[in-house]
């Protein structure tokens, strides 16, 4: 049975010129992720921001003070409530902090956050321990399929889990 495909997938990435070196890597891999997941999502905006902007958004939309790693916003939905367009906002300084802890590559941490946001737009959730584990397994499965390898589960799990869970 043939799989229905989204006619097009528009991906916009906004960041400072200093961060633009990550744009080709993120674009290449996010287009591949979209092809793997095949969601109804046809448009995605990805923004790399600093601590202040992320803290402001975190407070404004979730009522939680301080920055977080990634926020996801569905912008337009179809009749079934599935996002057709969305925005993923990534906190660059948080990605740097996590890389210092884990020893990972910054570009892979950014890709993990972007993938995490994309999975949220595809209906994945991480509010319960069970969903949290399933979502992060899916992230590492997809990253491995892309040739990047696991990013989330390869980091010290107790630090990752505690930091991520406390933000929800």
N, C-alpha and C. Protein backbone atom coordinates (compact mmCIF):
# COMPACT_ATOMS: atom_id res chain seq x y z
N UNK A 1 0.85 -1.18 0.00
CA UNK A 1 0.00 0.00 0.00
C UNK A 1 0.89 1.24 0.00
N UNK A 2 0.72 2.14 -0.95
CA UNK A 2 1.54 3.35 -1.00
C UNK A 2 1.25 4.27 0.18
N UNK A 3 2.29 4.95 0.61
CA UNK A 3 2.18 5.90 1.72
C UNK A 3 1.89 7.27 1.15
N UNK A 4 0.88 7.95 1.73
CA UNK A 4 0.58 9.31 1.29
C UNK A 4 1.72 10.23 1.73
N UNK A 5 2.13 11.10 0.88
CA UNK A 5 3.23 12.02 1.16
C UNK A 5 2.71 13.44 1.23
N UNK A 6 3.31 14.22 2.08
CA UNK A 6 3.04 15.65 2.10
C UNK A 6 3.63 16.21 0.81
N UNK A 7 2.84 17.03 0.13
CA UNK A 7 3.29 17.57 -1.16
C UNK A 7 4.62 18.29 -1.03
N UNK A 8 4.78 19.06 0.02
CA UNK A 8 6.04 19.74 0.23
C UNK A 8 6.23 19.97 1.72
N UNK A 9 7.46 20.18 2.08
CA UNK A 9 7.79 20.48 3.46
C UNK A 9 8.67 21.71 3.45
N UNK A 10 8.14 22.80 3.97
CA UNK A 10 8.89 24.04 4.03
C UNK A 10 9.53 24.16 5.40
N UNK A 11 10.84 24.33 5.41
CA UNK A 11 11.60 24.43 6.64
C UNK A 11 12.36 25.74 6.65
N UNK A 12 12.07 26.58 7.64
CA UNK A 12 12.77 27.86 7.80
C UNK A 12 13.56 27.81 9.09
N UNK A 13 14.83 28.17 9.03
CA UNK A 13 15.69 28.17 10.21
C UNK A 13 16.20 29.58 10.42
N UNK A 14 15.93 30.13 11.61
CA UNK A 14 16.41 31.48 11.91
C UNK A 14 17.38 31.44 13.08
N UNK A 15 18.46 32.16 12.90
CA UNK A 15 19.50 32.22 13.92
C UNK A 15 20.43 33.39 13.60
N UNK A 16 21.32 33.69 14.52
CA UNK A 16 22.31 34.73 14.27
C UNK A 16 23.31 34.22 13.24
N UNK A 17 24.05 35.13 12.65
CA UNK A 17 25.04 34.73 11.65
C UNK A 17 26.10 33.81 12.26
N UNK A 18 26.39 33.97 13.55
CA UNK A 18 27.38 33.11 14.21
C UNK A 18 26.92 31.66 14.25
N UNK A 19 25.61 31.45 14.28
CA UNK A 19 25.07 30.09 14.39
C UNK A 19 24.70 29.50 13.04
N UNK A 20 24.81 30.29 11.98
CA UNK A 20 24.37 29.83 10.66
C UNK A 20 25.17 28.62 10.17
N UNK A 21 26.33 28.36 10.76
CA UNK A 21 27.11 27.20 10.34
C UNK A 21 26.38 25.89 10.63
N UNK A 22 25.39 25.92 11.54
CA UNK A 22 24.63 24.72 11.87
C UNK A 22 23.44 24.51 10.94
N UNK A 23 23.08 25.54 10.18
CA UNK A 23 21.88 25.48 9.35
C UNK A 23 21.90 24.35 8.33
N UNK A 24 22.95 24.16 7.53
CA UNK A 24 22.92 23.07 6.55
C UNK A 24 22.76 21.69 7.21
N UNK A 25 23.44 21.47 8.32
CA UNK A 25 23.35 20.19 9.04
C UNK A 25 21.93 19.95 9.54
N UNK A 26 21.36 20.96 10.17
CA UNK A 26 20.00 20.83 10.69
C UNK A 26 19.00 20.64 9.56
N UNK A 27 19.13 21.42 8.49
CA UNK A 27 18.21 21.31 7.35
C UNK A 27 18.25 19.90 6.75
N UNK A 28 19.44 19.43 6.46
CA UNK A 28 19.61 18.10 5.86
C UNK A 28 18.93 17.03 6.71
N UNK A 29 19.22 17.04 7.99
CA UNK A 29 18.69 15.98 8.85
C UNK A 29 17.21 16.14 9.17
N UNK A 30 16.73 17.35 9.30
CA UNK A 30 15.30 17.53 9.56
C UNK A 30 14.46 17.17 8.34
N UNK A 31 14.96 17.41 7.15
CA UNK A 31 14.25 16.97 5.95
C UNK A 31 14.18 15.44 5.92
N UNK A 32 15.27 14.79 6.31
CA UNK A 32 15.28 13.32 6.36
C UNK A 32 14.33 12.80 7.45
N UNK A 33 14.31 13.48 8.60
CA UNK A 33 13.39 13.08 9.68
C UNK A 33 11.95 13.22 9.22
N UNK A 34 11.64 14.30 8.54
CA UNK A 34 10.29 14.50 8.04
C UNK A 34 9.89 13.37 7.09
N UNK A 35 10.82 12.97 6.24
CA UNK A 35 10.54 11.87 5.31
C UNK A 35 10.31 10.56 6.06
N UNK A 36 11.03 10.34 7.14
CA UNK A 36 10.87 9.12 7.95
C UNK A 36 9.51 9.12 8.64
N UNK A 37 9.17 10.23 9.27
CA UNK A 37 7.92 10.31 10.05
C UNK A 37 6.68 10.49 9.18
N UNK A 38 6.86 11.19 8.06
CA UNK A 38 5.76 11.46 7.12
C UNK A 38 4.52 12.04 7.80
N UNK A 39 4.69 13.09 8.59
CA UNK A 39 3.52 13.69 9.24
C UNK A 39 2.77 14.62 8.30
N UNK A 40 1.56 15.04 8.69
CA UNK A 40 0.85 16.01 7.86
C UNK A 40 1.49 17.40 7.90
N UNK A 41 2.44 17.58 8.80
CA UNK A 41 3.15 18.85 8.95
C UNK A 41 3.81 19.24 7.64
N UNK A 42 3.44 20.40 7.10
CA UNK A 42 4.00 20.85 5.84
C UNK A 42 4.92 22.05 5.98
N UNK A 43 4.94 22.63 7.18
CA UNK A 43 5.75 23.82 7.38
C UNK A 43 6.29 23.85 8.80
N UNK A 44 7.59 24.08 8.92
CA UNK A 44 8.22 24.15 10.23
C UNK A 44 9.19 25.32 10.27
N UNK A 45 9.09 26.10 11.32
CA UNK A 45 10.03 27.18 11.57
C UNK A 45 10.86 26.77 12.78
N UNK A 46 12.16 26.87 12.65
CA UNK A 46 13.09 26.52 13.72
C UNK A 46 13.87 27.78 14.08
N UNK A 47 13.87 28.13 15.37
CA UNK A 47 14.58 29.33 15.82
C UNK A 47 15.58 28.96 16.91
N UNK A 48 16.82 29.41 16.75
CA UNK A 48 17.85 29.23 17.76
C UNK A 48 17.96 30.54 18.52
N UNK A 49 17.71 30.50 19.83
CA UNK A 49 17.66 31.73 20.62
C UNK A 49 18.58 31.62 21.84
N UNK A 50 18.73 32.75 22.53
CA UNK A 50 19.54 32.81 23.74
C UNK A 50 18.72 32.56 24.99
N UNK A 51 19.40 32.57 26.13
CA UNK A 51 18.75 32.30 27.42
C UNK A 51 17.61 33.28 27.72
N UNK A 52 17.84 34.57 27.49
CA UNK A 52 16.83 35.58 27.84
C UNK A 52 15.55 35.37 27.05
N UNK A 53 15.68 35.21 25.74
CA UNK A 53 14.50 35.00 24.90
C UNK A 53 13.78 33.71 25.31
N UNK A 54 14.53 32.64 25.55
CA UNK A 54 13.91 31.37 25.92
C UNK A 54 13.23 31.49 27.28
N UNK A 55 13.86 32.16 28.23
CA UNK A 55 13.26 32.35 29.55
C UNK A 55 11.95 33.14 29.43
N UNK A 56 11.96 34.16 28.59
CA UNK A 56 10.73 34.95 28.38
C UNK A 56 9.61 34.08 27.80
N UNK A 57 9.92 33.28 26.79
CA UNK A 57 8.92 32.40 26.18
C UNK A 57 8.44 31.34 27.16
N UNK A 58 9.36 30.76 27.91
CA UNK A 58 9.04 29.73 28.89
C UNK A 58 8.06 30.28 29.93
N UNK A 59 8.33 31.50 30.40
CA UNK A 59 7.45 32.15 31.38
C UNK A 59 6.10 32.50 30.75
N UNK A 60 6.14 33.07 29.56
CA UNK A 60 4.92 33.53 28.90
C UNK A 60 3.97 32.39 28.57
N UNK A 61 4.49 31.28 28.05
CA UNK A 61 3.62 30.22 27.56
C UNK A 61 3.40 29.07 28.54
N UNK A 62 4.34 28.83 29.44
CA UNK A 62 4.18 27.74 30.39
C UNK A 62 4.14 28.20 31.84
N UNK A 63 4.42 29.49 32.07
CA UNK A 63 4.41 30.00 33.43
C UNK A 63 5.55 29.48 34.28
N UNK A 64 6.63 29.08 33.64
CA UNK A 64 7.79 28.53 34.35
C UNK A 64 8.96 29.49 34.15
N UNK A 65 9.57 29.94 35.26
CA UNK A 65 10.70 30.86 35.12
C UNK A 65 11.96 30.16 34.63
N UNK A 66 12.80 30.92 33.95
CA UNK A 66 14.09 30.41 33.49
C UNK A 66 14.01 29.76 32.13
N UNK A 67 15.17 29.59 31.49
CA UNK A 67 15.19 28.98 30.16
C UNK A 67 14.96 27.47 30.24
N UNK A 68 14.59 26.91 29.12
CA UNK A 68 14.48 25.47 28.95
C UNK A 68 15.19 25.13 27.65
N UNK A 69 15.32 23.86 27.34
CA UNK A 69 16.06 23.46 26.14
C UNK A 69 15.30 23.70 24.85
N UNK A 70 14.02 23.35 24.82
CA UNK A 70 13.25 23.46 23.58
C UNK A 70 11.78 23.69 23.90
N UNK A 71 11.15 24.52 23.09
CA UNK A 71 9.70 24.75 23.17
C UNK A 71 9.11 24.50 21.80
N UNK A 72 7.91 23.96 21.78
CA UNK A 72 7.25 23.61 20.53
C UNK A 72 5.88 24.27 20.48
N UNK A 73 5.56 24.85 19.33
CA UNK A 73 4.29 25.53 19.16
C UNK A 73 3.60 25.07 17.89
N UNK A 74 2.49 24.35 17.99
CA UNK A 74 1.70 24.09 16.78
C UNK A 74 1.03 25.40 16.36
N UNK A 75 1.08 25.73 15.09
CA UNK A 75 0.54 27.01 14.62
C UNK A 75 -0.78 26.86 13.88
N UNK A 76 -0.89 25.83 13.09
CA UNK A 76 -2.11 25.57 12.32
C UNK A 76 -2.38 24.08 12.36
N UNK A 77 -3.64 23.69 12.55
CA UNK A 77 -3.99 22.27 12.62
C UNK A 77 -5.06 21.92 11.60
N UNK A 78 -5.13 20.63 11.26
CA UNK A 78 -6.17 20.17 10.36
C UNK A 78 -7.43 19.84 11.18
N UNK A 79 -8.46 19.31 10.53
CA UNK A 79 -9.73 19.01 11.21
C UNK A 79 -9.58 17.96 12.30
N UNK A 80 -8.54 17.14 12.20
CA UNK A 80 -8.30 16.10 13.21
C UNK A 80 -7.41 16.60 14.35
N UNK A 81 -7.02 17.87 14.29
CA UNK A 81 -6.18 18.45 15.33
C UNK A 81 -4.69 18.20 15.14
N UNK A 82 -4.30 17.67 13.98
CA UNK A 82 -2.88 17.42 13.70
C UNK A 82 -2.23 18.68 13.16
N UNK A 83 -1.05 19.03 13.67
CA UNK A 83 -0.38 20.24 13.19
C UNK A 83 -0.01 20.17 11.71
N UNK A 84 -0.33 21.24 11.01
CA UNK A 84 0.07 21.41 9.62
C UNK A 84 1.27 22.33 9.53
N UNK A 85 1.41 23.18 10.55
CA UNK A 85 2.58 24.05 10.63
C UNK A 85 2.91 24.23 12.11
N UNK A 86 4.19 24.48 12.37
CA UNK A 86 4.60 24.64 13.75
C UNK A 86 5.93 25.35 13.85
N UNK A 87 6.26 25.70 15.09
CA UNK A 87 7.53 26.35 15.36
C UNK A 87 8.21 25.62 16.50
N UNK A 88 9.52 25.44 16.36
CA UNK A 88 10.35 24.85 17.41
C UNK A 88 11.40 25.90 17.76
N UNK A 89 11.48 26.22 19.05
CA UNK A 89 12.44 27.21 19.53
C UNK A 89 13.46 26.48 20.40
N UNK A 90 14.73 26.66 20.07
CA UNK A 90 15.83 25.96 20.75
C UNK A 90 16.71 26.98 21.47
N UNK A 91 17.04 26.65 22.71
CA UNK A 91 17.92 27.52 23.50
C UNK A 91 19.37 27.09 23.28
N UNK A 92 20.09 27.91 22.53
CA UNK A 92 21.48 27.62 22.19
C UNK A 92 22.38 27.49 23.42
N UNK A 93 22.32 28.40 24.40
CA UNK A 93 23.18 28.25 25.57
C UNK A 93 22.89 26.97 26.36
N UNK A 94 21.64 26.55 26.39
CA UNK A 94 21.31 25.29 27.09
C UNK A 94 21.94 24.12 26.35
N UNK A 95 21.90 24.15 25.03
CA UNK A 95 22.55 23.08 24.25
C UNK A 95 24.04 23.04 24.54
N UNK A 96 24.66 24.20 24.63
CA UNK A 96 26.10 24.25 24.95
C UNK A 96 26.37 23.67 26.35
N UNK A 97 25.52 24.02 27.31
CA UNK A 97 25.70 23.50 28.67
C UNK A 97 25.59 21.98 28.69
N UNK A 98 24.60 21.46 27.99
CA UNK A 98 24.42 20.00 27.95
C UNK A 98 25.61 19.31 27.29
N UNK A 99 26.15 19.93 26.26
CA UNK A 99 27.32 19.34 25.58
C UNK A 99 28.54 19.32 26.48
N UNK A 100 28.70 20.36 27.28
CA UNK A 100 29.82 20.36 28.23
C UNK A 100 29.68 19.20 29.23
N UNK A 101 28.45 18.93 29.67
CA UNK A 101 28.20 17.83 30.62
C UNK A 101 28.41 16.47 29.98
N UNK A 102 27.93 16.32 28.76
CA UNK A 102 27.93 15.00 28.12
C UNK A 102 29.15 14.73 27.27
N UNK A 103 29.85 15.80 26.85
CA UNK A 103 30.97 15.63 25.94
C UNK A 103 30.53 15.42 24.51
N UNK A 104 29.25 15.67 24.22
CA UNK A 104 28.72 15.48 22.88
C UNK A 104 29.01 16.65 21.96
N UNK A 105 28.60 16.50 20.71
CA UNK A 105 28.77 17.55 19.70
C UNK A 105 27.58 18.50 19.74
N UNK A 106 27.87 19.78 19.65
CA UNK A 106 26.82 20.78 19.70
C UNK A 106 25.81 20.60 18.56
N UNK A 107 26.27 20.32 17.37
CA UNK A 107 25.35 20.17 16.24
C UNK A 107 24.38 19.01 16.47
N UNK A 108 24.84 17.94 17.13
CA UNK A 108 23.97 16.80 17.41
C UNK A 108 22.97 17.12 18.52
N UNK A 109 23.39 17.91 19.49
CA UNK A 109 22.48 18.34 20.56
C UNK A 109 21.38 19.22 19.97
N UNK A 110 21.74 20.12 19.08
CA UNK A 110 20.75 20.97 18.42
C UNK A 110 19.78 20.12 17.59
N UNK A 111 20.30 19.14 16.89
CA UNK A 111 19.45 18.24 16.11
C UNK A 111 18.51 17.47 17.03
N UNK A 112 19.02 17.00 18.17
CA UNK A 112 18.17 16.30 19.14
C UNK A 112 17.01 17.19 19.55
N UNK A 113 17.28 18.45 19.89
CA UNK A 113 16.22 19.36 20.33
C UNK A 113 15.21 19.60 19.20
N UNK A 114 15.71 19.79 17.99
CA UNK A 114 14.82 20.00 16.85
C UNK A 114 13.95 18.77 16.61
N UNK A 115 14.55 17.61 16.68
CA UNK A 115 13.81 16.35 16.52
C UNK A 115 12.78 16.21 17.63
N UNK A 116 13.15 16.55 18.85
CA UNK A 116 12.23 16.47 19.98
C UNK A 116 10.99 17.34 19.70
N UNK A 117 11.22 18.55 19.25
CA UNK A 117 10.11 19.44 18.93
C UNK A 117 9.26 18.89 17.79
N UNK A 118 9.90 18.35 16.78
CA UNK A 118 9.18 17.77 15.65
C UNK A 118 8.33 16.58 16.11
N UNK A 119 8.87 15.76 17.00
CA UNK A 119 8.09 14.63 17.53
C UNK A 119 6.87 15.13 18.31
N UNK A 120 7.03 16.20 19.07
CA UNK A 120 5.87 16.78 19.75
C UNK A 120 4.80 17.17 18.73
N UNK A 121 5.22 17.78 17.64
CA UNK A 121 4.27 18.17 16.59
C UNK A 121 3.64 16.96 15.90
N UNK A 122 4.26 15.81 16.03
CA UNK A 122 3.72 14.57 15.46
C UNK A 122 2.89 13.78 16.47
N UNK A 123 2.66 14.37 17.65
CA UNK A 123 1.80 13.73 18.63
C UNK A 123 2.49 13.01 19.76
N UNK A 124 3.81 12.99 19.79
CA UNK A 124 4.53 12.36 20.88
C UNK A 124 4.50 13.26 22.11
N UNK A 125 4.54 12.64 23.27
CA UNK A 125 4.54 13.39 24.52
C UNK A 125 5.55 12.79 25.46
N UNK A 126 5.96 13.54 26.45
CA UNK A 126 6.96 13.05 27.41
C UNK A 126 6.62 13.45 28.84
N UNK A 127 5.34 13.55 29.14
CA UNK A 127 4.92 13.99 30.47
C UNK A 127 4.94 12.88 31.51
N UNK A 128 4.69 11.66 31.11
CA UNK A 128 4.78 10.55 32.06
C UNK A 128 6.13 9.86 31.88
N UNK A 129 6.58 9.13 32.87
CA UNK A 129 7.85 8.42 32.75
C UNK A 129 7.84 7.46 31.56
N UNK A 130 6.73 6.78 31.36
CA UNK A 130 6.63 5.82 30.26
C UNK A 130 6.74 6.53 28.90
N UNK A 131 5.99 7.63 28.75
CA UNK A 131 6.04 8.39 27.49
C UNK A 131 7.41 9.03 27.29
N UNK A 132 8.00 9.50 28.39
CA UNK A 132 9.34 10.11 28.36
C UNK A 132 10.35 9.11 27.77
N UNK A 133 10.35 7.90 28.30
CA UNK A 133 11.29 6.87 27.82
C UNK A 133 11.01 6.51 26.37
N UNK A 134 9.74 6.36 26.03
CA UNK A 134 9.38 5.99 24.66
C UNK A 134 9.78 7.07 23.66
N UNK A 135 9.55 8.33 24.02
CA UNK A 135 9.88 9.43 23.12
C UNK A 135 11.39 9.52 22.90
N UNK A 136 12.14 9.38 23.97
CA UNK A 136 13.60 9.49 23.83
C UNK A 136 14.21 8.27 23.16
N UNK A 137 13.59 7.12 23.30
CA UNK A 137 14.03 5.95 22.53
C UNK A 137 13.81 6.20 21.04
N UNK A 138 12.65 6.78 20.73
CA UNK A 138 12.34 7.09 19.33
C UNK A 138 13.34 8.10 18.77
N UNK A 139 13.70 9.11 19.55
CA UNK A 139 14.70 10.08 19.10
C UNK A 139 16.00 9.38 18.75
N UNK A 140 16.47 8.54 19.66
CA UNK A 140 17.75 7.87 19.41
C UNK A 140 17.66 6.87 18.27
N UNK A 141 16.50 6.24 18.09
CA UNK A 141 16.31 5.33 16.96
C UNK A 141 16.41 6.10 15.64
N UNK A 142 15.75 7.24 15.57
CA UNK A 142 15.78 8.05 14.35
C UNK A 142 17.18 8.60 14.11
N UNK A 143 17.82 9.10 15.16
CA UNK A 143 19.18 9.63 15.00
C UNK A 143 20.14 8.53 14.55
N UNK A 144 19.96 7.34 15.05
CA UNK A 144 20.80 6.22 14.61
C UNK A 144 20.54 5.90 13.15
N UNK A 145 19.28 5.92 12.76
CA UNK A 145 18.92 5.66 11.36
C UNK A 145 19.54 6.69 10.42
N UNK A 146 19.69 7.93 10.92
CA UNK A 146 20.29 9.00 10.12
C UNK A 146 21.82 8.90 10.09
N UNK A 147 22.39 8.01 10.90
CA UNK A 147 23.83 7.89 10.96
C UNK A 147 24.49 8.78 12.00
N UNK A 148 23.68 9.50 12.77
CA UNK A 148 24.20 10.36 13.82
C UNK A 148 24.51 9.54 15.08
N UNK A 149 23.66 8.58 15.34
CA UNK A 149 23.79 7.75 16.54
C UNK A 149 23.01 8.35 17.69
N UNK A 150 22.85 7.59 18.77
CA UNK A 150 22.07 8.08 19.91
C UNK A 150 22.73 9.30 20.54
N UNK A 151 21.92 10.28 20.88
CA UNK A 151 22.40 11.50 21.53
C UNK A 151 21.84 11.57 22.95
N UNK A 152 20.54 11.40 23.08
CA UNK A 152 19.91 11.54 24.39
C UNK A 152 20.34 10.43 25.34
N UNK A 153 20.13 9.20 24.95
CA UNK A 153 20.38 8.07 25.85
C UNK A 153 21.87 7.84 26.07
N UNK A 154 22.72 8.40 25.21
CA UNK A 154 24.15 8.20 25.40
C UNK A 154 24.72 9.15 26.44
N UNK A 155 23.96 10.20 26.78
CA UNK A 155 24.40 11.14 27.81
C UNK A 155 24.17 10.53 29.18
N UNK A 156 24.85 11.02 30.21
CA UNK A 156 24.60 10.50 31.55
C UNK A 156 23.11 10.60 31.88
N UNK A 157 22.44 9.46 31.95
CA UNK A 157 20.99 9.43 32.03
C UNK A 157 20.42 10.11 33.27
N UNK A 158 21.07 9.99 34.40
CA UNK A 158 20.50 10.60 35.60
C UNK A 158 20.48 12.12 35.48
N UNK A 159 21.53 12.71 34.92
CA UNK A 159 21.56 14.15 34.74
C UNK A 159 20.52 14.58 33.71
N UNK A 160 20.46 13.88 32.59
CA UNK A 160 19.54 14.21 31.52
C UNK A 160 18.10 14.12 32.03
N UNK A 161 17.78 13.00 32.66
CA UNK A 161 16.42 12.76 33.11
C UNK A 161 15.99 13.78 34.15
N UNK A 162 16.83 14.05 35.11
CA UNK A 162 16.48 15.00 36.17
C UNK A 162 16.29 16.40 35.62
N UNK A 163 17.16 16.84 34.75
CA UNK A 163 17.06 18.20 34.21
C UNK A 163 15.84 18.34 33.31
N UNK A 164 15.60 17.36 32.48
CA UNK A 164 14.48 17.46 31.56
C UNK A 164 13.15 17.36 32.29
N UNK A 165 13.03 16.43 33.20
CA UNK A 165 11.77 16.21 33.90
C UNK A 165 11.37 17.37 34.78
N UNK A 166 12.30 18.06 35.39
CA UNK A 166 11.93 19.13 36.31
C UNK A 166 11.32 20.33 35.60
N UNK A 167 11.50 20.41 34.30
CA UNK A 167 11.00 21.56 33.54
C UNK A 167 9.55 21.42 33.18
N UNK A 168 8.99 20.26 33.33
CA UNK A 168 7.61 20.05 32.90
C UNK A 168 6.64 20.34 34.01
